[in-house]
Each structure stands twice: as structure tokens, then as C-alpha cells.
N, C-alpha and C. Protein backbone atom coordinates (compact mmCIF):
# COMPACT_ATOMS: atom_id res chain seq x y z
N MET A 1 6.81 -8.71 -17.70
CA MET A 1 5.96 -8.03 -16.75
C MET A 1 6.76 -7.03 -15.91
N PHE A 2 7.96 -7.44 -15.45
CA PHE A 2 8.76 -6.56 -14.62
C PHE A 2 9.82 -5.82 -15.41
N LYS A 3 9.90 -6.07 -16.69
CA LYS A 3 10.92 -5.43 -17.50
C LYS A 3 10.64 -3.93 -17.63
N GLY A 4 11.64 -3.12 -17.34
CA GLY A 4 11.49 -1.68 -17.44
C GLY A 4 10.88 -1.03 -16.21
N ARG A 5 10.65 -1.79 -15.15
CA ARG A 5 10.09 -1.22 -13.92
C ARG A 5 11.21 -0.98 -12.93
N SER A 6 11.03 0.05 -12.09
CA SER A 6 12.02 0.32 -11.06
C SER A 6 11.82 -0.62 -9.89
N VAL A 7 12.80 -0.65 -9.00
CA VAL A 7 12.73 -1.51 -7.83
C VAL A 7 11.56 -1.09 -6.94
N ILE A 8 11.32 0.21 -6.83
CA ILE A 8 10.21 0.71 -6.01
C ILE A 8 8.88 0.21 -6.56
N GLU A 9 8.71 0.25 -7.87
CA GLU A 9 7.46 -0.23 -8.46
C GLU A 9 7.27 -1.72 -8.21
N ILE A 10 8.34 -2.50 -8.31
CA ILE A 10 8.24 -3.93 -8.07
C ILE A 10 7.92 -4.20 -6.60
N MET A 11 8.52 -3.42 -5.69
CA MET A 11 8.21 -3.58 -4.26
C MET A 11 6.76 -3.23 -3.98
N VAL A 12 6.26 -2.17 -4.59
CA VAL A 12 4.87 -1.79 -4.39
C VAL A 12 3.94 -2.89 -4.91
N LEU A 13 4.25 -3.45 -6.06
CA LEU A 13 3.45 -4.54 -6.60
C LEU A 13 3.49 -5.77 -5.69
N ALA A 14 4.68 -6.09 -5.17
CA ALA A 14 4.80 -7.25 -4.28
C ALA A 14 4.03 -7.02 -2.99
N PHE A 15 4.17 -5.83 -2.38
CA PHE A 15 3.43 -5.53 -1.17
C PHE A 15 1.92 -5.57 -1.43
N THR A 16 1.51 -5.05 -2.56
CA THR A 16 0.09 -5.05 -2.88
C THR A 16 -0.44 -6.47 -3.03
N PHE A 17 0.34 -7.34 -3.65
CA PHE A 17 -0.07 -8.73 -3.79
C PHE A 17 -0.17 -9.41 -2.43
N VAL A 18 0.83 -9.18 -1.56
CA VAL A 18 0.81 -9.77 -0.22
C VAL A 18 -0.39 -9.26 0.57
N VAL A 19 -0.65 -7.97 0.46
CA VAL A 19 -1.80 -7.38 1.17
C VAL A 19 -3.09 -7.99 0.68
N ALA A 20 -3.25 -8.09 -0.62
CA ALA A 20 -4.49 -8.62 -1.18
C ALA A 20 -4.72 -10.07 -0.75
N VAL A 21 -3.68 -10.89 -0.81
CA VAL A 21 -3.82 -12.29 -0.42
C VAL A 21 -4.11 -12.41 1.07
N SER A 22 -3.41 -11.64 1.89
CA SER A 22 -3.61 -11.70 3.34
C SER A 22 -5.00 -11.23 3.75
N ILE A 23 -5.42 -10.14 3.19
CA ILE A 23 -6.73 -9.60 3.53
C ILE A 23 -7.83 -10.56 3.09
N MET A 24 -7.71 -11.08 1.89
CA MET A 24 -8.73 -12.01 1.42
C MET A 24 -8.73 -13.29 2.25
N GLY A 25 -7.56 -13.80 2.61
CA GLY A 25 -7.48 -15.01 3.42
C GLY A 25 -8.09 -14.82 4.80
N LEU A 26 -7.75 -13.72 5.47
CA LEU A 26 -8.32 -13.47 6.79
C LEU A 26 -9.81 -13.21 6.72
N ALA A 27 -10.25 -12.49 5.69
CA ALA A 27 -11.68 -12.21 5.55
C ALA A 27 -12.46 -13.50 5.31
N VAL A 28 -11.94 -14.38 4.47
CA VAL A 28 -12.60 -15.67 4.21
C VAL A 28 -12.62 -16.51 5.48
N MET A 29 -11.51 -16.47 6.24
CA MET A 29 -11.47 -17.23 7.49
C MET A 29 -12.51 -16.72 8.48
N ILE A 30 -12.67 -15.41 8.59
CA ILE A 30 -13.69 -14.84 9.48
C ILE A 30 -15.09 -15.26 9.03
N ILE A 31 -15.34 -15.21 7.73
CA ILE A 31 -16.65 -15.59 7.21
C ILE A 31 -16.95 -17.06 7.49
N ILE A 32 -15.96 -17.92 7.28
CA ILE A 32 -16.16 -19.36 7.52
C ILE A 32 -16.42 -19.63 9.00
N VAL A 33 -15.61 -19.04 9.86
CA VAL A 33 -15.77 -19.27 11.30
C VAL A 33 -17.11 -18.74 11.79
N GLU A 34 -17.49 -17.55 11.35
CA GLU A 34 -18.76 -16.96 11.79
C GLU A 34 -19.96 -17.72 11.25
N SER A 35 -19.85 -18.27 10.05
CA SER A 35 -20.98 -19.02 9.49
C SER A 35 -21.15 -20.38 10.16
N ARG A 36 -20.04 -21.01 10.54
CA ARG A 36 -20.13 -22.31 11.20
C ARG A 36 -20.48 -22.19 12.68
N ASN A 37 -19.97 -21.14 13.33
CA ASN A 37 -20.20 -20.98 14.76
C ASN A 37 -20.39 -19.49 15.05
N PRO A 38 -21.63 -19.00 15.02
CA PRO A 38 -21.87 -17.57 15.22
C PRO A 38 -21.45 -17.05 16.60
N GLU A 39 -21.33 -17.94 17.59
CA GLU A 39 -20.93 -17.51 18.92
C GLU A 39 -19.41 -17.39 19.07
N ALA A 40 -18.67 -17.78 18.06
CA ALA A 40 -17.21 -17.75 18.14
C ALA A 40 -16.71 -16.32 18.25
N ASP A 41 -15.62 -16.16 19.00
CA ASP A 41 -15.01 -14.85 19.17
C ASP A 41 -13.98 -14.64 18.07
N THR A 42 -14.33 -13.82 17.10
CA THR A 42 -13.41 -13.53 15.99
C THR A 42 -12.78 -12.15 16.13
N GLY A 43 -12.85 -11.60 17.32
CA GLY A 43 -12.29 -10.27 17.56
C GLY A 43 -10.79 -10.21 17.34
N LEU A 44 -10.08 -11.25 17.77
CA LEU A 44 -8.62 -11.27 17.59
C LEU A 44 -8.24 -11.34 16.11
N ILE A 45 -8.98 -12.14 15.36
CA ILE A 45 -8.71 -12.24 13.91
C ILE A 45 -9.02 -10.91 13.22
N ALA A 46 -10.14 -10.29 13.60
CA ALA A 46 -10.49 -9.00 13.00
C ALA A 46 -9.48 -7.93 13.37
N ASN A 47 -8.99 -7.96 14.61
CA ASN A 47 -7.96 -7.00 15.03
C ASN A 47 -6.67 -7.23 14.25
N THR A 48 -6.31 -8.48 14.04
CA THR A 48 -5.14 -8.80 13.23
C THR A 48 -5.30 -8.30 11.80
N LEU A 49 -6.50 -8.45 11.27
CA LEU A 49 -6.78 -7.97 9.91
C LEU A 49 -6.60 -6.47 9.82
N MET A 50 -7.14 -5.73 10.79
CA MET A 50 -7.01 -4.27 10.77
C MET A 50 -5.56 -3.84 10.98
N SER A 51 -4.83 -4.53 11.84
CA SER A 51 -3.41 -4.20 12.05
C SER A 51 -2.60 -4.45 10.79
N LEU A 52 -2.90 -5.54 10.13
CA LEU A 52 -2.21 -5.86 8.88
C LEU A 52 -2.47 -4.80 7.82
N ILE A 53 -3.71 -4.40 7.70
CA ILE A 53 -4.07 -3.38 6.71
C ILE A 53 -3.35 -2.07 7.00
N SER A 54 -3.39 -1.64 8.25
CA SER A 54 -2.77 -0.35 8.58
C SER A 54 -1.25 -0.42 8.44
N GLY A 55 -0.64 -1.53 8.82
CA GLY A 55 0.81 -1.65 8.69
C GLY A 55 1.28 -1.65 7.25
N ILE A 56 0.61 -2.41 6.42
CA ILE A 56 1.01 -2.48 5.02
C ILE A 56 0.70 -1.17 4.30
N LEU A 57 -0.42 -0.54 4.63
CA LEU A 57 -0.71 0.77 4.03
C LEU A 57 0.35 1.79 4.43
N GLY A 58 0.81 1.72 5.66
CA GLY A 58 1.90 2.61 6.09
C GLY A 58 3.17 2.37 5.29
N ALA A 59 3.48 1.10 5.06
CA ALA A 59 4.67 0.78 4.26
C ALA A 59 4.53 1.27 2.83
N LEU A 60 3.36 1.08 2.24
CA LEU A 60 3.14 1.54 0.87
C LEU A 60 3.21 3.06 0.78
N LEU A 61 2.60 3.75 1.74
CA LEU A 61 2.66 5.21 1.73
C LEU A 61 4.09 5.70 1.96
N GLY A 62 4.86 4.98 2.79
CA GLY A 62 6.26 5.34 2.99
C GLY A 62 7.07 5.19 1.72
N LEU A 63 6.81 4.13 0.96
CA LEU A 63 7.51 3.95 -0.31
C LEU A 63 7.16 5.06 -1.29
N ILE A 64 5.88 5.41 -1.33
CA ILE A 64 5.45 6.47 -2.25
C ILE A 64 6.04 7.81 -1.83
N ALA A 65 6.05 8.10 -0.53
CA ALA A 65 6.62 9.36 -0.04
C ALA A 65 8.12 9.41 -0.30
N GLY A 66 8.80 8.29 -0.11
CA GLY A 66 10.24 8.24 -0.39
C GLY A 66 10.53 8.46 -1.85
N LYS A 67 9.69 7.91 -2.71
CA LYS A 67 9.87 8.09 -4.15
C LYS A 67 9.66 9.54 -4.53
N SER A 68 8.63 10.19 -3.96
CA SER A 68 8.35 11.58 -4.33
C SER A 68 9.41 12.52 -3.78
N SER A 69 9.99 12.23 -2.61
CA SER A 69 11.02 13.10 -2.08
C SER A 69 12.32 12.94 -2.85
N SER A 70 12.60 11.74 -3.39
CA SER A 70 13.80 11.57 -4.19
C SER A 70 13.66 12.30 -5.52
N VAL A 71 12.46 12.36 -6.05
CA VAL A 71 12.24 13.12 -7.29
C VAL A 71 12.37 14.60 -7.01
N ALA A 72 11.82 15.07 -5.88
CA ALA A 72 11.89 16.49 -5.54
C ALA A 72 13.32 16.90 -5.22
N GLY A 73 14.12 15.98 -4.68
CA GLY A 73 15.49 16.30 -4.34
C GLY A 73 16.40 16.41 -5.55
N SER A 74 15.96 15.99 -6.70
CA SER A 74 16.81 16.02 -7.88
C SER A 74 16.75 17.36 -8.62
N GLY A 75 16.14 18.36 -7.99
CA GLY A 75 16.07 19.67 -8.63
C GLY A 75 14.70 19.96 -9.20
N ASP A 76 13.96 18.93 -9.53
CA ASP A 76 12.61 19.12 -10.02
C ASP A 76 11.68 19.23 -8.83
N SER A 77 10.75 20.11 -8.92
CA SER A 77 9.78 20.27 -7.85
C SER A 77 8.40 20.00 -8.40
N LEU A 78 7.50 19.64 -7.53
CA LEU A 78 6.13 19.42 -7.97
C LEU A 78 5.47 20.72 -8.40
N HIS A 79 6.07 21.85 -7.99
CA HIS A 79 5.50 23.15 -8.33
C HIS A 79 6.08 23.74 -9.61
N ASP A 80 7.10 23.11 -10.18
CA ASP A 80 7.70 23.61 -11.42
C ASP A 80 6.87 23.16 -12.61
N ARG A 81 6.85 24.01 -13.62
CA ARG A 81 6.18 23.64 -14.86
C ARG A 81 7.06 22.65 -15.62
N PRO A 82 6.46 21.75 -16.38
CA PRO A 82 7.26 20.76 -17.13
C PRO A 82 8.20 21.39 -18.14
N ASP A 83 7.81 22.55 -18.72
CA ASP A 83 8.67 23.18 -19.72
C ASP A 83 9.66 24.16 -19.09
N LYS A 84 9.71 24.23 -17.75
CA LYS A 84 10.65 25.06 -16.98
C LYS A 84 10.45 26.54 -17.23
N THR A 85 9.30 26.98 -17.70
CA THR A 85 9.04 28.40 -17.87
C THR A 85 8.36 28.93 -16.62
N ASP A 86 8.44 30.25 -16.44
CA ASP A 86 7.83 30.90 -15.28
C ASP A 86 6.34 31.13 -15.56
N ASP A 87 5.51 30.82 -14.57
CA ASP A 87 4.09 31.02 -14.78
C ASP A 87 3.64 32.43 -14.37
N GLY A 88 4.55 33.22 -13.82
CA GLY A 88 4.22 34.61 -13.50
C GLY A 88 3.52 34.80 -12.18
N LEU A 89 3.40 33.76 -11.38
CA LEU A 89 2.75 33.91 -10.08
C LEU A 89 3.75 34.09 -8.98
């Protein structure tokens, strides 16, 4: 499964797994608490869920941005053609 993958790809997969499990766990906990006691204050749990989502998304986007800047720094640019010919523009 991990054979032939870079460290960045493995980190992205690990972060994604952690995010998915955390989000699902907190969402299930909110559903259970609200169904058993509708008057319960689940604002703190919901705030934690949103903070977790935004923090992990920031980390994932940082990994992706770091990967793209390392590729761009190697001489290849996102604006270059794959065959290295001039497009005339």
C-alpha cells in the first residue's frame, strides 16, 4: 500500500485518516448527546469540531503548497510545457 509513495503522500494519507476518524467521532458524539438530551449544550463540542477541521485542512494545504513549491524550485514551472517547447505567447 505504501510502497513507491513519497513521505509527503504518506503524511497526507495519515492526516486524512486522522481527520476522518476525528470528524466522524465528534459528529457521532454530538448526534448521540443531542438525541438523548436536546437541551444539552453541544456548542463547545461543535466549536472543537470546527477548529479541528480548519487546523487539519491548514496542515494539509501547507503540505500540498510545500510540495508544489519544491517542484517549482527544481527548474520546472507550472507554466512550462511538458515537452519544453515554446508556446509562442
